[in-house]
Amino acid sequence: MFEDIALNNNTAIHNFEIFVDGHRAFIDYKIKEDKYYLVHTEVPPVLEGRGVAAALVEKTFKYLEANGFKMLPYCTYIQAYLKRHAEWERLRA
Protein backbone atom coordinates (compact mmCIF):
# COMPACT_ATOMS: atom_id res chain seq x y z
CA MET A 1 0.00 0.00 0.00
CA PHE A 2 1.26 3.48 -0.93
CA GLU A 3 4.17 1.99 -2.90
CA ASP A 4 3.54 4.45 -5.73
CA ILE A 5 3.77 7.48 -3.42
CA ALA A 6 7.20 9.06 -3.32
CA LEU A 7 8.91 10.19 -0.14
CA ASN A 8 10.21 13.75 -0.27
CA ASN A 9 13.03 14.90 2.00
CA ASN A 10 12.05 18.55 2.40
CA THR A 11 15.37 19.78 3.75
CA ALA A 12 14.20 23.42 3.90
CA ILE A 13 11.79 22.59 6.73
CA HIS A 14 13.45 19.38 8.02
CA ASN A 15 10.57 17.08 7.12
CA PHE A 16 10.23 13.74 5.39
CA GLU A 17 6.85 14.00 3.70
CA ILE A 18 4.38 12.17 1.54
CA PHE A 19 1.18 13.39 -0.07
CA VAL A 20 -1.89 11.15 -0.02
CA ASP A 21 -5.13 12.27 -1.65
CA GLY A 22 -3.86 15.86 -1.59
CA HIS A 23 -3.02 15.78 2.12
CA ARG A 24 0.48 16.05 3.58
CA ALA A 25 1.81 13.63 6.20
CA PHE A 26 5.28 14.23 7.60
CA ILE A 27 8.03 13.32 10.02
CA ASP A 28 9.78 16.30 11.57
CA TYR A 29 13.50 15.76 12.09
CA LYS A 30 16.73 17.36 13.20
CA ILE A 31 20.01 16.26 11.66
CA LYS A 32 23.45 16.25 13.22
CA GLU A 33 26.38 14.75 11.31
CA ASP A 34 25.03 11.48 9.85
CA LYS A 35 22.23 11.02 12.39
CA TYR A 36 18.58 11.92 11.96
CA TYR A 37 16.70 12.73 15.15
CA LEU A 38 13.10 11.78 14.31
CA VAL A 39 11.08 14.14 16.48
CA HIS A 40 7.42 13.98 15.45
CA THR A 41 5.14 12.15 13.02
CA GLU A 42 1.95 13.83 11.87
CA VAL A 43 -0.88 12.54 9.70
CA PRO A 44 -3.95 14.65 8.94
CA PRO A 45 -7.12 13.36 10.66
CA VAL A 46 -8.72 12.65 7.27
CA LEU A 47 -5.99 10.05 6.58
CA GLU A 48 -5.91 8.39 10.00
CA GLY A 49 -6.52 4.65 10.16
CA ARG A 50 -5.35 4.00 6.59
CA GLY A 51 -1.76 2.99 7.32
CA VAL A 52 -0.32 6.31 6.16
CA ALA A 53 1.91 6.80 9.22
CA ALA A 54 3.32 3.27 8.93
CA ALA A 55 4.00 3.77 5.21
CA LEU A 56 5.69 7.10 5.93
CA VAL A 57 7.94 5.55 8.59
CA GLU A 58 8.81 2.61 6.33
CA LYS A 59 9.70 4.92 3.44
CA THR A 60 11.77 7.11 5.76
CA PHE A 61 13.68 4.11 7.12
CA LYS A 62 14.37 2.86 3.59
CA TYR A 63 15.66 6.32 2.62
CA LEU A 64 17.91 6.50 5.68
CA GLU A 65 19.32 3.03 5.07
CA ALA A 66 19.89 3.59 1.35
CA ASN A 67 21.81 6.78 2.13
CA GLY A 68 23.89 5.38 4.98
CA PHE A 69 22.26 7.31 7.82
CA LYS A 70 21.39 6.29 11.37
CA MET A 71 18.46 7.61 13.38
CA LEU A 72 17.36 8.32 16.92
CA PRO A 73 13.60 7.84 17.43
CA TYR A 74 12.28 10.57 19.72
CA CYS A 75 8.78 10.35 18.24
CA THR A 76 6.49 8.07 20.27
CA TYR A 77 4.84 6.70 17.12
CA ILE A 78 8.21 5.72 15.66
CA GLN A 79 9.22 4.13 18.98
CA ALA A 80 6.02 2.05 18.89
CA TYR A 81 6.63 1.17 15.23
CA LEU A 82 10.10 -0.13 16.09
CA LYS A 83 8.60 -2.42 18.75
CA ARG A 84 6.40 -3.98 16.05
CA HIS A 85 9.16 -4.01 13.40
CA ALA A 86 12.36 -4.83 15.27
CA GLU A 87 14.21 -5.45 12.00
CA TRP A 88 14.59 -1.67 11.67
CA GLU A 89 16.50 -1.42 14.96
CA ARG A 90 19.59 -1.73 12.74
CA LEU A 91 19.14 1.96 11.92
CA ARG A 92 19.21 3.13 15.53
CA ALA A 93 22.29 5.21 16.31
PDB file of N, CA and C in Angstrom:
ATOM      1  N   MET A   1       0.843  -1.197   0.000  1.00  0.00           N
ATOM      2  CA  MET A   1       0.000   0.000   0.000  1.00  0.00           C
ATOM      3  C   MET A   1       0.881   1.250   0.000  1.00  0.00           C
ATOM      4  N   PHE A   2       0.542   2.209  -0.798  1.00  0.00           N
ATOM      5  CA  PHE A   2       1.257   3.481  -0.932  1.00  0.00           C
ATOM      6  C   PHE A   2       2.633   3.327  -1.584  1.00  0.00           C
ATOM      7  N   GLU A   3       2.874   2.186  -2.254  1.00  0.00           N
ATOM      8  CA  GLU A   3       4.169   1.986  -2.901  1.00  0.00           C
ATOM      9  C   GLU A   3       4.444   3.034  -3.970  1.00  0.00           C
ATOM     10  N   ASP A   4       3.390   3.502  -4.626  1.00  0.00           N
ATOM     11  CA  ASP A   4       3.541   4.446  -5.728  1.00  0.00           C
ATOM     12  C   ASP A   4       3.692   5.892  -5.258  1.00  0.00           C
ATOM     13  N   ILE A   5       3.643   6.125  -3.960  1.00  0.00           N
ATOM     14  CA  ILE A   5       3.771   7.476  -3.424  1.00  0.00           C
ATOM     15  C   ILE A   5       5.215   7.714  -3.016  1.00  0.00           C
ATOM     16  N   ALA A   6       5.789   8.771  -3.562  1.00  0.00           N
ATOM     17  CA  ALA A   6       7.202   9.062  -3.320  1.00  0.00           C
ATOM     18  C   ALA A   6       7.399   9.806  -2.002  1.00  0.00           C
ATOM     19  N   LEU A   7       8.495   9.469  -1.340  1.00  0.00           N
ATOM     20  CA  LEU A   7       8.913  10.194  -0.145  1.00  0.00           C
ATOM     21  C   LEU A   7       9.727  11.396  -0.588  1.00  0.00           C
ATOM     22  N   ASN A   8       9.451  12.538   0.000  1.00  0.00           N
ATOM     23  CA  ASN A   8      10.209  13.754  -0.266  1.00  0.00           C
ATOM     24  C   ASN A   8      10.956  14.147   1.010  1.00  0.00           C
ATOM     25  N   ASN A   9      12.252  14.362   0.887  1.00  0.00           N
ATOM     26  CA  ASN A   9      13.026  14.904   1.998  1.00  0.00           C
ATOM     27  C   ASN A   9      13.051  16.411   1.811  1.00  0.00           C
ATOM     28  N   ASN A  10      12.160  17.096   2.503  1.00  0.00           N
ATOM     29  CA  ASN A  10      12.047  18.551   2.398  1.00  0.00           C
ATOM     30  C   ASN A  10      13.049  19.169   3.371  1.00  0.00           C
ATOM     31  N   THR A  11      14.283  19.319   2.889  1.00  0.00           N
ATOM     32  CA  THR A  11      15.370  19.780   3.751  1.00  0.00           C
ATOM     33  C   THR A  11      15.164  21.209   4.245  1.00  0.00           C
ATOM     34  N   ALA A  12      14.428  22.017   3.498  1.00  0.00           N
ATOM     35  CA  ALA A  12      14.199  23.415   3.898  1.00  0.00           C
ATOM     36  C   ALA A  12      13.458  23.506   5.229  1.00  0.00           C
ATOM     37  N   ILE A  13      12.555  22.547   5.478  1.00  0.00           N
ATOM     38  CA  ILE A  13      11.790  22.587   6.729  1.00  0.00           C
ATOM     39  C   ILE A  13      12.027  21.351   7.597  1.00  0.00           C
ATOM     40  N   HIS A  14      13.059  20.560   7.237  1.00  0.00           N
ATOM     41  CA  HIS A  14      13.449  19.379   8.022  1.00  0.00           C
ATOM     42  C   HIS A  14      12.289  18.403   8.211  1.00  0.00           C
ATOM     43  N   ASN A  15      11.676  18.030   7.104  1.00  0.00           N
ATOM     44  CA  ASN A  15      10.567  17.078   7.117  1.00  0.00           C
ATOM     45  C   ASN A  15      10.764  16.026   6.038  1.00  0.00           C
ATOM     46  N   PHE A  16      10.487  14.764   6.392  1.00  0.00           N
ATOM     47  CA  PHE A  16      10.231  13.736   5.395  1.00  0.00           C
ATOM     48  C   PHE A  16       8.729  13.792   5.187  1.00  0.00           C
ATOM     49  N   GLU A  17       8.273  13.824   3.938  1.00  0.00           N
ATOM     50  CA  GLU A  17       6.849  14.003   3.700  1.00  0.00           C
ATOM     51  C   GLU A  17       6.366  13.157   2.540  1.00  0.00           C
ATOM     52  N   ILE A  18       5.084  12.795   2.643  1.00  0.00           N
ATOM     53  CA  ILE A  18       4.376  12.169   1.536  1.00  0.00           C
ATOM     54  C   ILE A  18       3.034  12.881   1.399  1.00  0.00           C
ATOM     55  N   PHE A  19       2.487  12.809   0.194  1.00  0.00           N
ATOM     56  CA  PHE A  19       1.182  13.393  -0.069  1.00  0.00           C
ATOM     57  C   PHE A  19       0.233  12.283  -0.481  1.00  0.00           C
ATOM     58  N   VAL A  20      -0.876  12.162   0.252  1.00  0.00           N
ATOM     59  CA  VAL A  20      -1.888  11.146  -0.016  1.00  0.00           C
ATOM     60  C   VAL A  20      -3.224  11.852  -0.209  1.00  0.00           C
ATOM     61  N   ASP A  21      -3.843  11.656  -1.348  1.00  0.00           N
ATOM     62  CA  ASP A  21      -5.135  12.273  -1.654  1.00  0.00           C
ATOM     63  C   ASP A  21      -5.110  13.782  -1.398  1.00  0.00           C
ATOM     64  N   GLY A  22      -3.990  14.414  -1.743  1.00  0.00           N
ATOM     65  CA  GLY A  22      -3.858  15.861  -1.594  1.00  0.00           C
ATOM     66  C   GLY A  22      -3.541  16.339  -0.188  1.00  0.00           C
ATOM     67  N   HIS A  23      -3.337  15.415   0.736  1.00  0.00           N
ATOM     68  CA  HIS A  23      -3.023  15.777   2.124  1.00  0.00           C
ATOM     69  C   HIS A  23      -1.582  15.401   2.430  1.00  0.00           C
ATOM     70  N   ARG A  24      -0.936  16.236   3.245  1.00  0.00           N
ATOM     71  CA  ARG A  24       0.476  16.052   3.577  1.00  0.00           C
ATOM     72  C   ARG A  24       0.634  15.377   4.935  1.00  0.00           C
ATOM     73  N   ALA A  25       1.398  14.294   4.956  1.00  0.00           N
ATOM     74  CA  ALA A  25       1.806  13.626   6.199  1.00  0.00           C
ATOM     75  C   ALA A  25       3.318  13.789   6.287  1.00  0.00           C
ATOM     76  N   PHE A  26       3.844  13.947   7.502  1.00  0.00           N
ATOM     77  CA  PHE A  26       5.278  14.227   7.600  1.00  0.00           C
ATOM     78  C   PHE A  26       5.893  13.719   8.898  1.00  0.00           C
ATOM     79  N   ILE A  27       7.209  13.572   8.843  1.00  0.00           N
ATOM     80  CA  ILE A  27       8.033  13.320  10.022  1.00  0.00           C
ATOM     81  C   ILE A  27       8.968  14.518  10.146  1.00  0.00           C
ATOM     82  N   ASP A  28       8.896  15.172  11.276  1.00  0.00           N
ATOM     83  CA  ASP A  28       9.782  16.297  11.566  1.00  0.00           C
ATOM     84  C   ASP A  28      11.090  15.733  12.111  1.00  0.00           C
ATOM     85  N   TYR A  29      12.209  16.262  11.627  1.00  0.00           N
ATOM     86  CA  TYR A  29      13.505  15.762  12.086  1.00  0.00           C
ATOM     87  C   TYR A  29      14.503  16.883  12.300  1.00  0.00           C
ATOM     88  N   LYS A  30      15.525  16.544  13.060  1.00  0.00           N
ATOM     89  CA  LYS A  30      16.726  17.365  13.198  1.00  0.00           C
ATOM     90  C   LYS A  30      17.853  16.465  12.694  1.00  0.00           C
ATOM     91  N   ILE A  31      18.890  17.060  12.139  1.00  0.00           N
ATOM     92  CA  ILE A  31      20.010  16.261  11.663  1.00  0.00           C
ATOM     93  C   ILE A  31      21.301  16.808  12.250  1.00  0.00           C
ATOM     94  N   LYS A  32      22.137  15.892  12.696  1.00  0.00           N
ATOM     95  CA  LYS A  32      23.454  16.249  13.220  1.00  0.00           C
ATOM     96  C   LYS A  32      24.416  15.193  12.721  1.00  0.00           C
ATOM     97  N   GLU A  33      25.420  15.635  11.967  1.00  0.00           N
ATOM     98  CA  GLU A  33      26.377  14.747  11.312  1.00  0.00           C
ATOM     99  C   GLU A  33      25.600  13.752  10.450  1.00  0.00           C
ATOM    100  N   ASP A  34      25.734  12.458  10.687  1.00  0.00           N
ATOM    101  CA  ASP A  34      25.029  11.478   9.852  1.00  0.00           C
ATOM    102  C   ASP A  34      23.850  10.854  10.588  1.00  0.00           C
ATOM    103  N   LYS A  35      23.339  11.552  11.588  1.00  0.00           N
ATOM    104  CA  LYS A  35      22.226  11.017  12.386  1.00  0.00           C
ATOM    105  C   LYS A  35      20.991  11.892  12.241  1.00  0.00           C
ATOM    106  N   TYR A  36      19.864  11.224  12.014  1.00  0.00           N
ATOM    107  CA  TYR A  36      18.578  11.916  11.963  1.00  0.00           C
ATOM    108  C   TYR A  36      17.855  11.683  13.284  1.00  0.00           C
ATOM    109  N   TYR A  37      17.479  12.772  13.918  1.00  0.00           N
ATOM    110  CA  TYR A  37      16.697  12.726  15.153  1.00  0.00           C
ATOM    111  C   TYR A  37      15.239  12.875  14.737  1.00  0.00           C
ATOM    112  N   LEU A  38      14.496  11.789  14.770  1.00  0.00           N
ATOM    113  CA  LEU A  38      13.105  11.778  14.307  1.00  0.00           C
ATOM    114  C   LEU A  38      12.225  12.227  15.474  1.00  0.00           C
ATOM    115  N   VAL A  39      11.703  13.437  15.360  1.00  0.00           N
ATOM    116  CA  VAL A  39      11.082  14.138  16.478  1.00  0.00           C
ATOM    117  C   VAL A  39       9.570  13.929  16.557  1.00  0.00           C
ATOM    118  N   HIS A  40       8.888  13.984  15.422  1.00  0.00           N
ATOM    119  CA  HIS A  40       7.420  13.985  15.449  1.00  0.00           C
ATOM    120  C   HIS A  40       6.879  13.472  14.121  1.00  0.00           C
ATOM    121  N   THR A  41       5.854  12.632  14.200  1.00  0.00           N
ATOM    122  CA  THR A  41       5.140  12.150  13.017  1.00  0.00           C
ATOM    123  C   THR A  41       3.733  12.729  13.052  1.00  0.00           C
ATOM    124  N   GLU A  42       3.296  13.255  11.919  1.00  0.00           N
ATOM    125  CA  GLU A  42       1.947  13.832  11.868  1.00  0.00           C
ATOM    126  C   GLU A  42       1.227  13.405  10.596  1.00  0.00           C
ATOM    127  N   VAL A  43       0.000  12.932  10.804  1.00  0.00           N
ATOM    128  CA  VAL A  43      -0.876  12.538   9.698  1.00  0.00           C
ATOM    129  C   VAL A  43      -2.182  13.297   9.877  1.00  0.00           C
ATOM    130  N   PRO A  44      -2.691  13.938   8.817  1.00  0.00           N
ATOM    131  CA  PRO A  44      -3.954  14.653   8.938  1.00  0.00           C
ATOM    132  C   PRO A  44      -5.089  13.715   9.371  1.00  0.00           C
ATOM    133  N   PRO A  45      -6.008  14.203  10.182  1.00  0.00           N
ATOM    134  CA  PRO A  45      -7.120  13.358  10.657  1.00  0.00           C
ATOM    135  C   PRO A  45      -7.861  12.630   9.535  1.00  0.00           C
ATOM    136  N   VAL A  46      -7.988  13.261   8.384  1.00  0.00           N
ATOM    137  CA  VAL A  46      -8.721  12.646   7.270  1.00  0.00           C
ATOM    138  C   VAL A  46      -8.031  11.371   6.758  1.00  0.00           C
ATOM    139  N   LEU A  47      -6.738  11.225   7.037  1.00  0.00           N
ATOM    140  CA  LEU A  47      -5.986  10.055   6.581  1.00  0.00           C
ATOM    141  C   LEU A  47      -5.766   9.014   7.674  1.00  0.00           C
ATOM    142  N   GLU A  48      -6.157   9.304   8.885  1.00  0.00           N
ATOM    143  CA  GLU A  48      -5.911   8.392   9.997  1.00  0.00           C
ATOM    144  C   GLU A  48      -6.602   7.050   9.777  1.00  0.00           C
ATOM    145  N   GLY A  49      -5.951   5.983  10.246  1.00  0.00           N
ATOM    146  CA  GLY A  49      -6.518   4.647  10.155  1.00  0.00           C
ATOM    147  C   GLY A  49      -6.334   3.965   8.811  1.00  0.00           C
ATOM    148  N   ARG A  50      -5.558   4.569   7.928  1.00  0.00           N
ATOM    149  CA  ARG A  50      -5.354   4.001   6.590  1.00  0.00           C
ATOM    150  C   ARG A  50      -3.950   3.460   6.392  1.00  0.00           C
ATOM    151  N   GLY A  51      -3.124   3.489   7.434  1.00  0.00           N
ATOM    152  CA  GLY A  51      -1.758   2.992   7.317  1.00  0.00           C
ATOM    153  C   GLY A  51      -0.772   4.001   6.769  1.00  0.00           C
ATOM    154  N   VAL A  52      -1.179   5.268   6.722  1.00  0.00           N
ATOM    155  CA  VAL A  52      -0.318   6.311   6.164  1.00  0.00           C
ATOM    156  C   VAL A  52       0.925   6.515   7.030  1.00  0.00           C
ATOM    157  N   ALA A  53       0.762   6.577   8.335  1.00  0.00           N
ATOM    158  CA  ALA A  53       1.912   6.796   9.219  1.00  0.00           C
ATOM    159  C   ALA A  53       2.914   5.654   9.091  1.00  0.00           C
ATOM    160  N   ALA A  54       2.431   4.427   9.074  1.00  0.00           N
ATOM    161  CA  ALA A  54       3.322   3.273   8.931  1.00  0.00           C
ATOM    162  C   ALA A  54       4.061   3.323   7.596  1.00  0.00           C
ATOM    163  N   ALA A  55       3.364   3.666   6.527  1.00  0.00           N
ATOM    164  CA  ALA A  55       3.996   3.774   5.213  1.00  0.00           C
ATOM    165  C   ALA A  55       5.053   4.868   5.209  1.00  0.00           C
ATOM    166  N   LEU A  56       4.755   5.982   5.846  1.00  0.00           N
ATOM    167  CA  LEU A  56       5.692   7.100   5.932  1.00  0.00           C
ATOM    168  C   LEU A  56       6.955   6.685   6.690  1.00  0.00           C
ATOM    169  N   VAL A  57       6.795   6.007   7.806  1.00  0.00           N
ATOM    170  CA  VAL A  57       7.945   5.554   8.586  1.00  0.00           C
ATOM    171  C   VAL A  57       8.773   4.557   7.781  1.00  0.00           C
ATOM    172  N   GLU A  58       8.113   3.609   7.144  1.00  0.00           N
ATOM    173  CA  GLU A  58       8.814   2.608   6.332  1.00  0.00           C
ATOM    174  C   GLU A  58       9.617   3.268   5.217  1.00  0.00           C
ATOM    175  N   LYS A  59       9.005   4.210   4.511  1.00  0.00           N
ATOM    176  CA  LYS A  59       9.699   4.915   3.437  1.00  0.00           C
ATOM    177  C   LYS A  59      10.885   5.712   3.985  1.00  0.00           C
ATOM    178  N   THR A  60      10.699   6.331   5.139  1.00  0.00           N
ATOM    179  CA  THR A  60      11.774   7.107   5.761  1.00  0.00           C
ATOM    180  C   THR A  60      12.930   6.189   6.141  1.00  0.00           C
ATOM    181  N   PHE A  61      12.630   5.045   6.737  1.00  0.00           N
ATOM    182  CA  PHE A  61      13.680   4.106   7.122  1.00  0.00           C
ATOM    183  C   PHE A  61      14.436   3.598   5.892  1.00  0.00           C
ATOM    184  N   LYS A  62      13.716   3.313   4.812  1.00  0.00           N
ATOM    185  CA  LYS A  62      14.369   2.857   3.585  1.00  0.00           C
ATOM    186  C   LYS A  62      15.289   3.937   3.029  1.00  0.00           C
ATOM    187  N   TYR A  63      14.834   5.190   3.073  1.00  0.00           N
ATOM    188  CA  TYR A  63      15.657   6.317   2.620  1.00  0.00           C
ATOM    189  C   TYR A  63      16.922   6.421   3.467  1.00  0.00           C
ATOM    190  N   LEU A  64      16.758   6.377   4.784  1.00  0.00           N
ATOM    191  CA  LEU A  64      17.911   6.502   5.678  1.00  0.00           C
ATOM    192  C   LEU A  64      18.923   5.385   5.411  1.00  0.00           C
ATOM    193  N   GLU A  65      18.429   4.163   5.299  1.00  0.00           N
ATOM    194  CA  GLU A  65      19.323   3.027   5.070  1.00  0.00           C
ATOM    195  C   GLU A  65      20.036   3.143   3.725  1.00  0.00           C
ATOM    196  N   ALA A  66      19.304   3.491   2.691  1.00  0.00           N
ATOM    197  CA  ALA A  66      19.887   3.592   1.347  1.00  0.00           C
ATOM    198  C   ALA A  66      20.968   4.661   1.271  1.00  0.00           C
ATOM    199  N   ASN A  67      20.860   5.667   2.150  1.00  0.00           N
ATOM    200  CA  ASN A  67      21.809   6.778   2.125  1.00  0.00           C
ATOM    201  C   ASN A  67      22.842   6.715   3.253  1.00  0.00           C
ATOM    202  N   GLY A  68      22.859   5.598   3.971  1.00  0.00           N
ATOM    203  CA  GLY A  68      23.892   5.379   4.976  1.00  0.00           C
ATOM    204  C   GLY A  68      23.734   6.167   6.267  1.00  0.00           C
ATOM    205  N   PHE A  69      22.499   6.537   6.606  1.00  0.00           N
ATOM    206  CA  PHE A  69      22.260   7.315   7.818  1.00  0.00           C
ATOM    207  C   PHE A  69      21.756   6.438   8.961  1.00  0.00           C
ATOM    208  N   LYS A  70      21.954   6.898  10.164  1.00  0.00           N
ATOM    209  CA  LYS A  70      21.386   6.290  11.369  1.00  0.00           C
ATOM    210  C   LYS A  70      20.340   7.254  11.914  1.00  0.00           C
ATOM    211  N   MET A  71      19.508   6.760  12.824  1.00  0.00           N
ATOM    212  CA  MET A  71      18.458   7.614  13.380  1.00  0.00           C
ATOM    213  C   MET A  71      18.316   7.393  14.879  1.00  0.00           C
ATOM    214  N   LEU A  72      17.751   8.401  15.516  1.00  0.00           N
ATOM    215  CA  LEU A  72      17.359   8.323  16.922  1.00  0.00           C
ATOM    216  C   LEU A  72      15.873   8.635  16.978  1.00  0.00           C
ATOM    217  N   PRO A  73      15.061   7.680  17.451  1.00  0.00           N
ATOM    218  CA  PRO A  73      13.602   7.844  17.430  1.00  0.00           C
ATOM    219  C   PRO A  73      13.064   8.535  18.685  1.00  0.00           C
ATOM    220  N   TYR A  74      12.874   9.828  18.606  1.00  0.00           N
ATOM    221  CA  TYR A  74      12.281  10.568  19.724  1.00  0.00           C
ATOM    222  C   TYR A  74      10.759  10.590  19.642  1.00  0.00           C
ATOM    223  N   CYS A  75      10.226  10.368  18.457  1.00  0.00           N
ATOM    224  CA  CYS A  75       8.780  10.348  18.242  1.00  0.00           C
ATOM    225  C   CYS A  75       8.189   9.076  18.849  1.00  0.00           C
ATOM    226  N   THR A  76       7.114   9.228  19.625  1.00  0.00           N
ATOM    227  CA  THR A  76       6.494   8.066  20.273  1.00  0.00           C
ATOM    228  C   THR A  76       5.903   7.091  19.252  1.00  0.00           C
ATOM    229  N   TYR A  77       5.371   7.608  18.139  1.00  0.00           N
ATOM    230  CA  TYR A  77       4.838   6.700  17.117  1.00  0.00           C
ATOM    231  C   TYR A  77       5.966   5.848  16.539  1.00  0.00           C
ATOM    232  N   ILE A  78       7.091   6.462  16.233  1.00  0.00           N
ATOM    233  CA  ILE A  78       8.213   5.717  15.661  1.00  0.00           C
ATOM    234  C   ILE A  78       8.764   4.716  16.677  1.00  0.00           C
ATOM    235  N   GLN A  79       8.796   5.071  17.937  1.00  0.00           N
ATOM    236  CA  GLN A  79       9.221   4.126  18.976  1.00  0.00           C
ATOM    237  C   GLN A  79       8.297   2.909  18.994  1.00  0.00           C
ATOM    238  N   ALA A  80       6.997   3.146  18.910  1.00  0.00           N
ATOM    239  CA  ALA A  80       6.021   2.050  18.891  1.00  0.00           C
ATOM    240  C   ALA A  80       6.183   1.222  17.614  1.00  0.00           C
ATOM    241  N   TYR A  81       6.426   1.872  16.498  1.00  0.00           N
ATOM    242  CA  TYR A  81       6.628   1.171  15.228  1.00  0.00           C
ATOM    243  C   TYR A  81       7.822   0.226  15.330  1.00  0.00           C
ATOM    244  N   LEU A  82       8.901   0.688  15.937  1.00  0.00           N
ATOM    245  CA  LEU A  82      10.098  -0.135  16.092  1.00  0.00           C
ATOM    246  C   LEU A  82       9.838  -1.369  16.957  1.00  0.00           C
ATOM    247  N   LYS A  83       8.939  -1.253  17.920  1.00  0.00           N
ATOM    248  CA  LYS A  83       8.600  -2.416  18.746  1.00  0.00           C
ATOM    249  C   LYS A  83       7.896  -3.481  17.907  1.00  0.00           C
ATOM    250  N   ARG A  84       7.119  -3.051  16.925  1.00  0.00           N
ATOM    251  CA  ARG A  84       6.398  -3.982  16.051  1.00  0.00           C
ATOM    252  C   ARG A  84       7.254  -4.473  14.880  1.00  0.00           C
ATOM    253  N   HIS A  85       8.298  -3.700  14.553  1.00  0.00           N
ATOM    254  CA  HIS A  85       9.155  -4.011  13.398  1.00  0.00           C
ATOM    255  C   HIS A  85      10.620  -3.923  13.821  1.00  0.00           C
ATOM    256  N   ALA A  86      11.018  -4.855  14.670  1.00  0.00           N
ATOM    257  CA  ALA A  86      12.364  -4.832  15.274  1.00  0.00           C
ATOM    258  C   ALA A  86      13.488  -4.912  14.242  1.00  0.00           C
ATOM    259  N   GLU A  87      13.161  -5.371  13.033  1.00  0.00           N
ATOM    260  CA  GLU A  87      14.208  -5.455  11.999  1.00  0.00           C
ATOM    261  C   GLU A  87      14.815  -4.096  11.681  1.00  0.00           C
ATOM    262  N   TRP A  88      14.081  -3.025  11.946  1.00  0.00           N
ATOM    263  CA  TRP A  88      14.593  -1.674  11.670  1.00  0.00           C
ATOM    264  C   TRP A  88      15.472  -1.127  12.793  1.00  0.00           C
ATOM    265  N   GLU A  89      15.604  -1.854  13.871  1.00  0.00           N
ATOM    266  CA  GLU A  89      16.501  -1.423  14.957  1.00  0.00           C
ATOM    267  C   GLU A  89      17.925  -1.221  14.437  1.00  0.00           C
ATOM    268  N   ARG A  90      18.244  -1.864  13.319  1.00  0.00           N
ATOM    269  CA  ARG A  90      19.589  -1.729  12.739  1.00  0.00           C
ATOM    270  C   ARG A  90      19.918  -0.285  12.372  1.00  0.00           C
ATOM    271  N   LEU A  91      18.908   0.561  12.257  1.00  0.00           N
ATOM    272  CA  LEU A  91      19.143   1.962  11.916  1.00  0.00           C
ATOM    273  C   LEU A  91      19.354   2.849  13.140  1.00  0.00           C
ATOM    274  N   ARG A  92      19.106   2.314  14.311  1.00  0.00           N
ATOM    275  CA  ARG A  92      19.211   3.129  15.532  1.00  0.00           C
ATOM    276  C   ARG A  92      20.682   3.476  15.776  1.00  0.00           C
ATOM    277  N   ALA A  93      20.927   4.743  16.026  1.00  0.00           N
ATOM    278  CA  ALA A  93      22.289   5.215  16.306  1.00  0.00           C
ATOM    279  C   ALA A  93      22.703   4.824  17.711  1.00  0.00           C
TER     280      ALA A  93
END
